[in-house]
C-alpha atoms as a PDB file:
ATOM      1  CA  MET A   1     -22.238  25.786 -22.377  1.00  0.00           C
ATOM      2  CA  THR A   2     -19.787  25.805 -18.801  1.00  0.00           C
ATOM      3  CA  TYR A   3     -16.105  25.807 -19.394  1.00  0.00           C
ATOM      4  CA  LEU A   4     -14.047  24.378 -16.620  1.00  0.00           C
ATOM      5  CA  PRO A   5     -11.088  26.354 -14.732  1.00  0.00           C
ATOM      6  CA  GLN A   6      -7.850  26.699 -16.716  1.00  0.00           C
ATOM      7  CA  ALA A   7      -4.891  25.560 -14.340  1.00  0.00           C
ATOM      8  CA  LYS A   8      -2.242  28.657 -12.619  1.00  0.00           C
ATOM      9  CA  ARG A   9       0.918  28.826 -14.058  1.00  0.00           C
ATOM     10  CA  PHE A  10       3.180  26.983 -12.444  1.00  0.00           C
ATOM     11  CA  ASP A  11       6.224  29.321 -10.631  1.00  0.00           C
ATOM     12  CA  TRP A  12       9.363  27.990 -12.321  1.00  0.00           C
ATOM     13  CA  SER A  13      11.809  30.230  -9.513  1.00  0.00           C
ATOM     14  CA  ASN A  14      11.783  26.855  -7.329  1.00  0.00           C
ATOM     15  CA  LEU A  15      12.720  24.535  -9.906  1.00  0.00           C
ATOM     16  CA  GLY A  16      16.525  24.621  -9.074  1.00  0.00           C
ATOM     17  CA  VAL A  17      15.907  24.010  -5.431  1.00  0.00           C
ATOM     18  CA  ARG A  18      13.269  21.186  -5.822  1.00  0.00           C
ATOM     19  CA  VAL A  19      15.626  19.623  -8.190  1.00  0.00           C
ATOM     20  CA  ALA A  20      18.812  19.867  -5.700  1.00  0.00           C
ATOM     21  CA  SER A  21      16.832  18.777  -2.916  1.00  0.00           C
ATOM     22  CA  ALA A  22      16.016  15.348  -4.789  1.00  0.00           C
ATOM     23  CA  ILE A  23      19.551  15.031  -5.988  1.00  0.00           C
ATOM     24  CA  VAL A  24      20.423  14.658  -2.125  1.00  0.00           C
ATOM     25  CA  LEU A  25      17.691  12.594  -1.462  1.00  0.00           C
ATOM     26  CA  ILE A  26      17.245  10.372  -3.842  1.00  0.00           C
ATOM     27  CA  PRO A  27      20.601   8.304  -3.670  1.00  0.00           C
ATOM     28  CA  ALA A  28      20.083   8.039  -0.424  1.00  0.00           C
ATOM     29  CA  VAL A  29      17.133   6.352  -0.872  1.00  0.00           C
ATOM     30  CA  LEU A  30      18.788   3.995  -3.067  1.00  0.00           C
ATOM     31  CA  ALA A  31      21.283   2.969  -1.287  1.00  0.00           C
ATOM     32  CA  ALA A  32      19.533   2.339   1.334  1.00  0.00           C
ATOM     33  CA  LEU A  33      17.068   0.248  -0.814  1.00  0.00           C
ATOM     34  CA  TRP A  34      20.037  -1.601  -2.177  1.00  0.00           C
ATOM     35  CA  ILE A  35      21.385  -2.539   1.773  1.00  0.00           C
ATOM     36  CA  GLY A  36      18.211  -3.461   3.080  1.00  0.00           C
ATOM     37  CA  ASP A  37      17.789  -5.052   6.209  1.00  0.00           C
ATOM     38  CA  TRP A  38      18.709  -2.171   9.063  1.00  0.00           C
ATOM     39  CA  ALA A  39      19.967   0.146   6.083  1.00  0.00           C
ATOM     40  CA  PHE A  40      15.662   0.135   5.127  1.00  0.00           C
ATOM     41  CA  LEU A  41      14.413   0.216   8.482  1.00  0.00           C
ATOM     42  CA  LEU A  42      16.230   2.685   9.450  1.00  0.00           C
ATOM     43  CA  LEU A  43      15.140   4.506   6.822  1.00  0.00           C
ATOM     44  CA  ILE A  44      11.413   4.164   6.553  1.00  0.00           C
ATOM     45  CA  SER A  45      11.568   4.378  10.699  1.00  0.00           C
ATOM     46  CA  VAL A  46      13.569   7.807   9.810  1.00  0.00           C
ATOM     47  CA  GLY A  47      10.615   8.506   7.721  1.00  0.00           C
ATOM     48  CA  VAL A  48       7.813   7.771  10.326  1.00  0.00           C
ATOM     49  CA  ALA A  49       9.329   9.858  12.623  1.00  0.00           C
ATOM     50  CA  LEU A  50       9.116  12.799  10.580  1.00  0.00           C
ATOM     51  CA  LEU A  51       5.482  11.752   8.819  1.00  0.00           C
ATOM     52  CA  ALA A  52       4.287  11.552  12.591  1.00  0.00           C
ATOM     53  CA  LEU A  53       5.307  14.767  13.591  1.00  0.00           C
ATOM     54  CA  GLU A  54       4.228  16.581  10.307  1.00  0.00           C
ATOM     55  CA  TRP A  55       0.768  14.783  11.334  1.00  0.00           C
ATOM     56  CA  GLY A  56       0.401  16.138  14.658  1.00  0.00           C
ATOM     57  CA  GLY A  57       1.566  19.081  13.488  1.00  0.00           C
ATOM     58  CA  MET A  58      -1.161  19.526  11.794  1.00  0.00           C
ATOM     59  CA  SER A  59      -4.411  17.328  13.590  1.00  0.00           C
ATOM     60  CA  ALA A  60      -2.956  18.948  16.793  1.00  0.00           C
ATOM     61  CA  PRO A  61      -1.416  21.807  17.349  1.00  0.00           C
ATOM     62  CA  ARG A  62      -1.974  22.137  20.169  1.00  0.00           C
ATOM     63  CA  ALA A  63       0.033  19.549  21.338  1.00  0.00           C
ATOM     64  CA  PRO A  64       1.659  18.074  17.808  1.00  0.00           C
ATOM     65  CA  SER A  65       4.350  16.560  19.618  1.00  0.00           C
ATOM     66  CA  ARG A  66       2.400  14.114  21.598  1.00  0.00           C
ATOM     67  CA  VAL A  67       0.463  13.424  19.015  1.00  0.00           C
ATOM     68  CA  ALA A  68       3.019  12.947  16.827  1.00  0.00           C
ATOM     69  CA  ALA A  69       5.038  10.367  19.521  1.00  0.00           C
ATOM     70  CA  ALA A  70       1.996   8.615  20.305  1.00  0.00           C
ATOM     71  CA  ILE A  71       1.863   7.746  16.362  1.00  0.00           C
ATOM     72  CA  THR A  72       5.080   7.448  15.803  1.00  0.00           C
ATOM     73  CA  VAL A  73       5.148   4.637  18.627  1.00  0.00           C
ATOM     74  CA  ALA A  74       2.424   2.736  17.341  1.00  0.00           C
ATOM     75  CA  VAL A  75       4.067   2.631  13.725  1.00  0.00           C
ATOM     76  CA  LEU A  76       7.556   1.429  14.784  1.00  0.00           C
ATOM     77  CA  ILE A  77       5.915  -1.483  16.865  1.00  0.00           C
ATOM     78  CA  GLY A  78       4.553  -2.870  13.820  1.00  0.00           C
ATOM     79  CA  LEU A  79       7.591  -1.497  11.231  1.00  0.00           C
ATOM     80  CA  PHE A  80      10.299  -3.982  13.987  1.00  0.00           C
ATOM     81  CA  LEU A  81       7.175  -6.437  14.092  1.00  0.00           C
ATOM     82  CA  ALA A  82       7.222  -6.906  10.703  1.00  0.00           C
ATOM     83  CA  HIS A  83      10.810  -6.653   9.850  1.00  0.00           C
ATOM     84  CA  GLY A  84      11.821  -9.844  12.358  1.00  0.00           C
ATOM     85  CA  GLY A  85       8.799 -11.164   9.977  1.00  0.00           C
ATOM     86  CA  ALA A  86       5.729 -11.599  12.146  1.00  0.00           C
ATOM     87  CA  LEU A  87       3.431  -9.838  10.001  1.00  0.00           C
ATOM     88  CA  PRO A  88       0.279 -10.576  11.587  1.00  0.00           C
ATOM     89  CA  LEU A  89       1.238  -8.920  14.851  1.00  0.00           C
ATOM     90  CA  ALA A  90       2.262  -6.079  12.939  1.00  0.00           C
ATOM     91  CA  TRP A  91      -0.924  -5.622  11.131  1.00  0.00           C
ATOM     92  CA  GLY A  92      -2.405  -5.784  14.569  1.00  0.00           C
ATOM     93  CA  ALA A  93       0.108  -3.780  16.354  1.00  0.00           C
ATOM     94  CA  VAL A  94      -0.727  -1.241  14.405  1.00  0.00           C
ATOM     95  CA  ILE A  95      -4.735  -1.731  14.773  1.00  0.00           C
ATOM     96  CA  ALA A  96      -4.479  -1.373  18.337  1.00  0.00           C
ATOM     97  CA  GLY A  97      -1.395   1.698  18.209  1.00  0.00           C
ATOM     98  CA  ALA A  98      -4.579   3.943  16.528  1.00  0.00           C
ATOM     99  CA  ALA A  99      -6.683   2.901  19.193  1.00  0.00           C
ATOM    100  CA  ALA A 100      -3.951   4.315  22.027  1.00  0.00           C
ATOM    101  CA  ALA A 101      -2.964   7.690  19.340  1.00  0.00           C
ATOM    102  CA  ALA A 102      -6.488   8.058  19.370  1.00  0.00           C
ATOM    103  CA  LEU A 103      -6.872   8.025  23.662  1.00  0.00           C
ATOM    104  CA  VAL A 104      -3.541   9.792  23.739  1.00  0.00           C
ATOM    105  CA  ALA A 105      -5.107  12.454  21.686  1.00  0.00           C
ATOM    106  CA  ARG A 106      -8.004  13.045  23.823  1.00  0.00           C
ATOM    107  CA  GLY A 107      -8.267  16.647  25.400  1.00  0.00           C
ATOM    108  CA  VAL A 108      -5.580  17.631  23.112  1.00  0.00           C
ATOM    109  CA  ALA A 109      -6.775  17.398  19.365  1.00  0.00           C
ATOM    110  CA  GLU A 110     -10.226  18.624  17.898  1.00  0.00           C
ATOM    111  CA  ARG A 111     -10.725  15.389  16.686  1.00  0.00           C
ATOM    112  CA  PRO A 112      -8.726  12.601  18.128  1.00  0.00           C
ATOM    113  CA  ALA A 113      -9.901  10.305  15.324  1.00  0.00           C
ATOM    114  CA  ASP A 114      -7.480  11.992  13.379  1.00  0.00           C
ATOM    115  CA  ALA A 115      -4.853  10.578  15.200  1.00  0.00           C
ATOM    116  CA  ALA A 116      -5.994   7.183  14.885  1.00  0.00           C
ATOM    117  CA  PHE A 117      -6.238   7.878  11.194  1.00  0.00           C
ATOM    118  CA  GLY A 118      -2.518   8.725  11.381  1.00  0.00           C
ATOM    119  CA  VAL A 119      -1.283   6.171  12.469  1.00  0.00           C
ATOM    120  CA  ILE A 120      -3.153   4.212   9.425  1.00  0.00           C
ATOM    121  CA  TYR A 121      -2.485   6.473   6.809  1.00  0.00           C
ATOM    122  CA  ILE A 122       0.790   5.688   7.597  1.00  0.00           C
ATOM    123  CA  GLY A 123       1.590   2.628   9.432  1.00  0.00           C
ATOM    124  CA  VAL A 124      -0.533   0.344   6.701  1.00  0.00           C
ATOM    125  CA  PRO A 125       1.964   1.921   4.263  1.00  0.00           C
ATOM    126  CA  CYS A 126       5.395   1.056   5.262  1.00  0.00           C
ATOM    127  CA  LEU A 127       4.473  -2.133   6.921  1.00  0.00           C
ATOM    128  CA  CYS A 128       3.491  -2.748   2.595  1.00  0.00           C
ATOM    129  CA  LEU A 129       7.296  -1.028   1.366  1.00  0.00           C
ATOM    130  CA  MET A 130       8.659  -3.624   4.546  1.00  0.00           C
ATOM    131  CA  TRP A 131       7.235  -6.714   3.756  1.00  0.00           C
ATOM    132  CA  ILE A 132       7.795  -5.839  -0.040  1.00  0.00           C
ATOM    133  CA  ARG A 133      11.290  -5.707   0.330  1.00  0.00           C
ATOM    134  CA  THR A 134      11.636  -8.486   2.620  1.00  0.00           C
ATOM    135  CA  MET A 135      10.356 -10.598  -0.535  1.00  0.00           C
ATOM    136  CA  PRO A 136      12.569 -12.685  -3.031  1.00  0.00           C
ATOM    137  CA  GLN A 137      13.282  -9.815  -5.448  1.00  0.00           C
ATOM    138  CA  GLY A 138      12.876  -7.553  -3.011  1.00  0.00           C
ATOM    139  CA  ALA A 139      15.358  -4.939  -4.088  1.00  0.00           C
ATOM    140  CA  TRP A 140      13.653  -4.907  -7.783  1.00  0.00           C
ATOM    141  CA  TRP A 141       9.617  -4.836  -6.932  1.00  0.00           C
ATOM    142  CA  THR A 142      10.790  -1.979  -4.651  1.00  0.00           C
ATOM    143  CA  LEU A 143      12.577  -0.229  -7.348  1.00  0.00           C
ATOM    144  CA  MET A 144       9.743  -0.427  -9.913  1.00  0.00           C
ATOM    145  CA  LEU A 145       7.022   1.023  -7.231  1.00  0.00           C
ATOM    146  CA  PHE A 146       9.478   3.768  -6.893  1.00  0.00           C
ATOM    147  CA  ALA A 147      10.245   4.228 -11.028  1.00  0.00           C
ATOM    148  CA  ILE A 148       6.403   4.374 -11.097  1.00  0.00           C
ATOM    149  CA  THR A 149       5.525   6.984  -8.262  1.00  0.00           C
ATOM    150  CA  TRP A 150       8.926   9.179  -9.375  1.00  0.00           C
ATOM    151  CA  ALA A 151       7.534   9.014 -13.115  1.00  0.00           C
ATOM    152  CA  ALA A 152       4.126   9.788 -12.792  1.00  0.00           C
ATOM    153  CA  ASP A 153       5.433  12.682 -10.717  1.00  0.00           C
ATOM    154  CA  ILE A 154       7.102  13.921 -13.259  1.00  0.00           C
ATOM    155  CA  ALA A 155       5.653  12.882 -16.357  1.00  0.00           C
ATOM    156  CA  ALA A 156       2.051  14.562 -14.244  1.00  0.00           C
ATOM    157  CA  PHE A 157       4.337  18.169 -13.474  1.00  0.00           C
ATOM    158  CA  GLY A 158       6.162  17.776 -17.197  1.00  0.00           C
ATOM    159  CA  VAL A 159       2.932  16.920 -19.487  1.00  0.00           C
ATOM    160  CA  GLY A 160       0.985  19.337 -17.139  1.00  0.00           C
ATOM    161  CA  SER A 161       3.395  22.467 -17.440  1.00  0.00           C
ATOM    162  CA  ALA A 162       3.314  21.946 -21.283  1.00  0.00           C
ATOM    163  CA  LEU A 163       0.153  21.489 -21.932  1.00  0.00           C
ATOM    164  CA  LYS A 164      -1.847  23.311 -19.179  1.00  0.00           C
ATOM    165  CA  GLY A 165      -6.083  23.219 -19.669  1.00  0.00           C
ATOM    166  CA  PRO A 166      -8.620  21.978 -17.286  1.00  0.00           C
ATOM    167  CA  LYS A 167      -7.998  21.556 -13.981  1.00  0.00           C
ATOM    168  CA  LEU A 168      -8.351  17.696 -11.972  1.00  0.00           C
ATOM    169  CA  TRP A 169      -9.869  18.473  -9.073  1.00  0.00           C
ATOM    170  CA  PRO A 170      -9.546  22.732  -8.697  1.00  0.00           C
ATOM    171  CA  ARG A 171     -11.876  22.513  -4.932  1.00  0.00           C
ATOM    172  CA  PHE A 172      -8.950  20.901  -3.123  1.00  0.00           C
ATOM    173  CA  SER A 173      -5.515  21.199  -5.786  1.00  0.00           C
ATOM    174  CA  PRO A 174      -6.298  24.431  -8.263  1.00  0.00           C
ATOM    175  CA  ASN A 175      -2.991  23.524 -10.175  1.00  0.00           C
ATOM    176  CA  LYS A 176      -3.213  19.805 -11.052  1.00  0.00           C
ATOM    177  CA  THR A 177      -4.825  19.163 -14.697  1.00  0.00           C
ATOM    178  CA  TRP A 178      -6.452  16.576 -17.040  1.00  0.00           C
ATOM    179  CA  SER A 179      -3.350  16.744 -19.049  1.00  0.00           C
ATOM    180  CA  GLY A 180      -1.075  15.781 -16.198  1.00  0.00           C
ATOM    181  CA  PHE A 181      -2.918  13.247 -15.122  1.00  0.00           C
ATOM    182  CA  PHE A 182      -3.107  11.500 -18.584  1.00  0.00           C
ATOM    183  CA  GLY A 183       0.493  12.017 -18.600  1.00  0.00           C
ATOM    184  CA  GLY A 184       1.762  11.339 -15.039  1.00  0.00           C
ATOM    185  CA  LEU A 185      -0.605   7.778 -15.696  1.00  0.00           C
ATOM    186  CA  ALA A 186       1.587   7.463 -19.257  1.00  0.00           C
ATOM    187  CA  GLY A 187       4.896   7.912 -17.593  1.00  0.00           C
ATOM    188  CA  ALA A 188       4.216   5.353 -14.585  1.00  0.00           C
ATOM    189  CA  VAL A 189       3.147   2.168 -17.708  1.00  0.00           C
ATOM    190  CA  LEU A 190       6.539   3.265 -19.299  1.00  0.00           C
ATOM    191  CA  ALA A 191       8.320   2.571 -15.752  1.00  0.00           C
ATOM    192  CA  GLY A 192       6.687  -0.690 -14.867  1.00  0.00           C
ATOM    193  CA  ALA A 193       7.223  -1.880 -18.892  1.00  0.00           C
ATOM    194  CA  LEU A 194      10.671  -0.960 -18.479  1.00  0.00           C
ATOM    195  CA  MET A 195      11.779  -2.181 -15.221  1.00  0.00           C
ATOM    196  CA  THR A 196      11.218  -6.056 -16.525  1.00  0.00           C
ATOM    197  CA  PHE A 197      14.212  -5.362 -19.109  1.00  0.00           C
ATOM    198  CA  ALA A 198      16.384  -4.651 -16.104  1.00  0.00           C
ATOM    199  CA  PRO A 199      18.086  -7.992 -14.590  1.00  0.00           C
ATOM    200  CA  PRO A 200      17.235 -10.613 -12.545  1.00  0.00           C
ATOM    201  CA  PHE A 201      13.531  -8.931 -12.661  1.00  0.00           C
ATOM    202  CA  ARG A 202      11.241 -11.484 -14.224  1.00  0.00           C
ATOM    203  CA  LEU A 203       7.415 -10.123 -15.072  1.00  0.00           C
ATOM    204  CA  ASN A 204       5.726 -10.008 -17.962  1.00  0.00           C
ATOM    205  CA  PRO A 205       6.347  -6.808 -19.486  1.00  0.00           C
ATOM    206  CA  VAL A 206       2.248  -5.807 -20.327  1.00  0.00           C
ATOM    207  CA  ALA A 207       1.883  -7.533 -16.690  1.00  0.00           C
ATOM    208  CA  ALA A 208       4.532  -4.585 -14.982  1.00  0.00           C
ATOM    209  CA  GLY A 209       2.533  -2.469 -17.317  1.00  0.00           C
ATOM    210  CA  VAL A 210      -0.535  -3.028 -15.901  1.00  0.00           C
ATOM    211  CA  ILE A 211       1.034  -2.463 -12.050  1.00  0.00           C
ATOM    212  CA  GLY A 212       2.513   0.987 -13.861  1.00  0.00           C
ATOM    213  CA  LEU A 213      -0.994   1.535 -14.837  1.00  0.00           C
ATOM    214  CA  VAL A 214      -2.801   0.946 -11.031  1.00  0.00           C
ATOM    215  CA  GLY A 215       0.632   2.066  -9.906  1.00  0.00           C
ATOM    216  CA  GLY A 216       0.272   5.662 -10.960  1.00  0.00           C
ATOM    217  CA  LEU A 217      -3.726   5.986 -10.157  1.00  0.00           C
ATOM    218  CA  ALA A 218      -2.374   5.470  -6.571  1.00  0.00           C
ATOM    219  CA  THR A 219       0.027   7.812  -7.404  1.00  0.00           C
ATOM    220  CA  MET A 220      -2.048  10.273  -8.318  1.00  0.00           C
ATOM    221  CA  ALA A 221      -5.111   9.176  -5.892  1.00  0.00           C
ATOM    222  CA  GLY A 222      -2.753   9.672  -3.074  1.00  0.00           C
ATOM    223  CA  ASP A 223      -1.536  13.135  -4.304  1.00  0.00           C
ATOM    224  CA  LEU A 224      -5.167  14.283  -4.234  1.00  0.00           C
ATOM    225  CA  TRP A 225      -6.194  13.071  -0.800  1.00  0.00           C
ATOM    226  CA  GLU A 226      -3.378  14.509   0.695  1.00  0.00           C
ATOM    227  CA  SER A 227      -4.149  17.776  -0.987  1.00  0.00           C
ATOM    228  CA  MET A 228      -8.236  18.137   0.232  1.00  0.00           C
ATOM    229  CA  LEU A 229      -6.360  16.252   3.693  1.00  0.00           C
ATOM    230  CA  LYS A 230      -4.256  20.230   4.481  1.00  0.00           C
ATOM    231  CA  ARG A 231      -7.857  22.128   2.937  1.00  0.00           C
ATOM    232  CA  ARG A 232      -9.169  20.382   5.753  1.00  0.00           C
ATOM    233  CA  PHE A 233      -6.603  20.784   8.036  1.00  0.00           C
ATOM    234  CA  GLY A 234      -6.370  24.565   7.116  1.00  0.00           C
ATOM    235  CA  VAL A 235      -2.629  24.379   5.727  1.00  0.00           C
ATOM    236  CA  LYS A 236      -0.568  24.980   2.302  1.00  0.00           C
ATOM    237  CA  ASP A 237       2.333  22.039   3.187  1.00  0.00           C
ATOM    238  CA  SER A 238       2.680  19.642   5.190  1.00  0.00           C
ATOM    239  CA  GLY A 239       6.032  20.960   6.633  1.00  0.00           C
ATOM    240  CA  ASP A 240       9.496  22.643   5.335  1.00  0.00           C
ATOM    241  CA  LEU A 241      11.302  20.016   5.725  1.00  0.00           C
ATOM    242  CA  ILE A 242      12.816  19.539   1.616  1.00  0.00           C
ATOM    243  CA  PRO A 243      12.942  22.972   0.039  1.00  0.00           C
ATOM    244  CA  GLY A 244      11.022  23.481  -2.893  1.00  0.00           C
ATOM    245  CA  HIS A 245       8.930  20.864  -1.775  1.00  0.00           C
ATOM    246  CA  GLY A 246       7.010  21.454   1.215  1.00  0.00           C
ATOM    247  CA  GLY A 247       7.054  18.201   4.222  1.00  0.00           C
ATOM    248  CA  LEU A 248       7.796  14.631   3.524  1.00  0.00           C
ATOM    249  CA  LEU A 249       4.383  14.015   3.132  1.00  0.00           C
ATOM    250  CA  ASP A 250       4.242  16.443   0.398  1.00  0.00           C
ATOM    251  CA  ARG A 251       6.560  13.984  -1.312  1.00  0.00           C
ATOM    252  CA  VAL A 252       5.482  10.961  -0.442  1.00  0.00           C
ATOM    253  CA  ASP A 253       2.062  11.283  -0.855  1.00  0.00           C
ATOM    254  CA  GLY A 254       1.867   9.067  -3.700  1.00  0.00           C
ATOM    255  CA  LEU A 255       3.999   6.377  -2.734  1.00  0.00           C
ATOM    256  CA  MET A 256       2.343   5.573   0.032  1.00  0.00           C
ATOM    257  CA  PHE A 257      -0.819   4.388  -2.058  1.00  0.00           C
ATOM    258  CA  ALA A 258       1.303   3.258  -4.194  1.00  0.00           C
ATOM    259  CA  ALA A 259       3.130   0.931  -1.688  1.00  0.00           C
ATOM    260  CA  VAL A 260      -0.509  -0.510  -1.011  1.00  0.00           C
ATOM    261  CA  VAL A 261      -1.084  -1.700  -4.631  1.00  0.00           C
ATOM    262  CA  VAL A 262       2.062  -2.707  -5.209  1.00  0.00           C
ATOM    263  CA  ALA A 263       2.089  -4.687  -2.765  1.00  0.00           C
ATOM    264  CA  ALA A 264      -0.768  -6.574  -3.143  1.00  0.00           C
ATOM    265  CA  ALA A 265       0.606  -7.294  -7.087  1.00  0.00           C
ATOM    266  CA  ARG A 266       3.068  -8.460  -5.404  1.00  0.00           C
ATOM    267  CA  LEU A 267       0.833 -10.859  -3.459  1.00  0.00           C
ATOM    268  CA  VAL A 268      -0.799 -11.731  -6.186  1.00  0.00           C
ATOM    269  CA  ASN A 269       2.543 -12.515  -7.936  1.00  0.00           C
ATOM    270  CA  HIS A 270       3.764 -14.330  -4.927  1.00  0.00           C
ATOM    271  CA  LEU A 271       0.784 -16.512  -5.004  1.00  0.00           C
ATOM    272  CA  GLY A 272       1.451 -17.479  -9.054  1.00  0.00           C
ATOM    273  CA  TRP A 273       1.379 -14.871 -11.206  1.00  0.00           C
ATOM    274  CA  ASP A 274       4.475 -14.551 -12.310  1.00  0.00           C
ATOM    275  CA  HIS A 275       4.117 -14.275 -16.160  1.00  0.00           C
END
């Protein structure tokens, strides 16, 4: 009988640093979310620039700033168009920006297509986030997105650390376990359902739980996808911006995938699925 390898024990030595980082960052994110408009646009714009720098450093170490600048400009053009309500133009700008970024990266990146992918990888979730926030009840839907991803991450970490067990995908992410995976999904479902008790949020708890489930799956998928990308680029972390966590991409990889899923759910709700 073949047994799956067991996950390594978590290094608890930097837990305090992780918690301190969260205490600083989460209130700033929530404040920008609640204010909306320019504050939320500024938050995402800063995030775009930082993510682009990390992507440039991983994908084009010979000229990271050049690639990061191309990605930042491409995504921000789309983001500002989306903020102004011109969503079709925003999507077109991201697609055109991806092609332009690949041209800029020619000769300085091993694979210029990585620059184009960086625009899509960063740009699509950012446009989805902006669209969710600008829709009716946008603050609540965005808060539900954050609640689902945070709950999935925290529950996966807590359950996986406590129960250990077989690894989920040892080739790319040696510390993630099946127990953490199912714990994360349970946390995401619970977070989605509980959000329906926060007025004036209007959504059936069962429907919200389903959104939590698919959002949790997307969060896990985003985390694993980034682990695969880091292995491909030969790096341990995407950067060292956040003490105890690594780079910004290490923190929002799951959120980026979940934003697309929740945006799809918000679109369905907007088209008539209210209860």
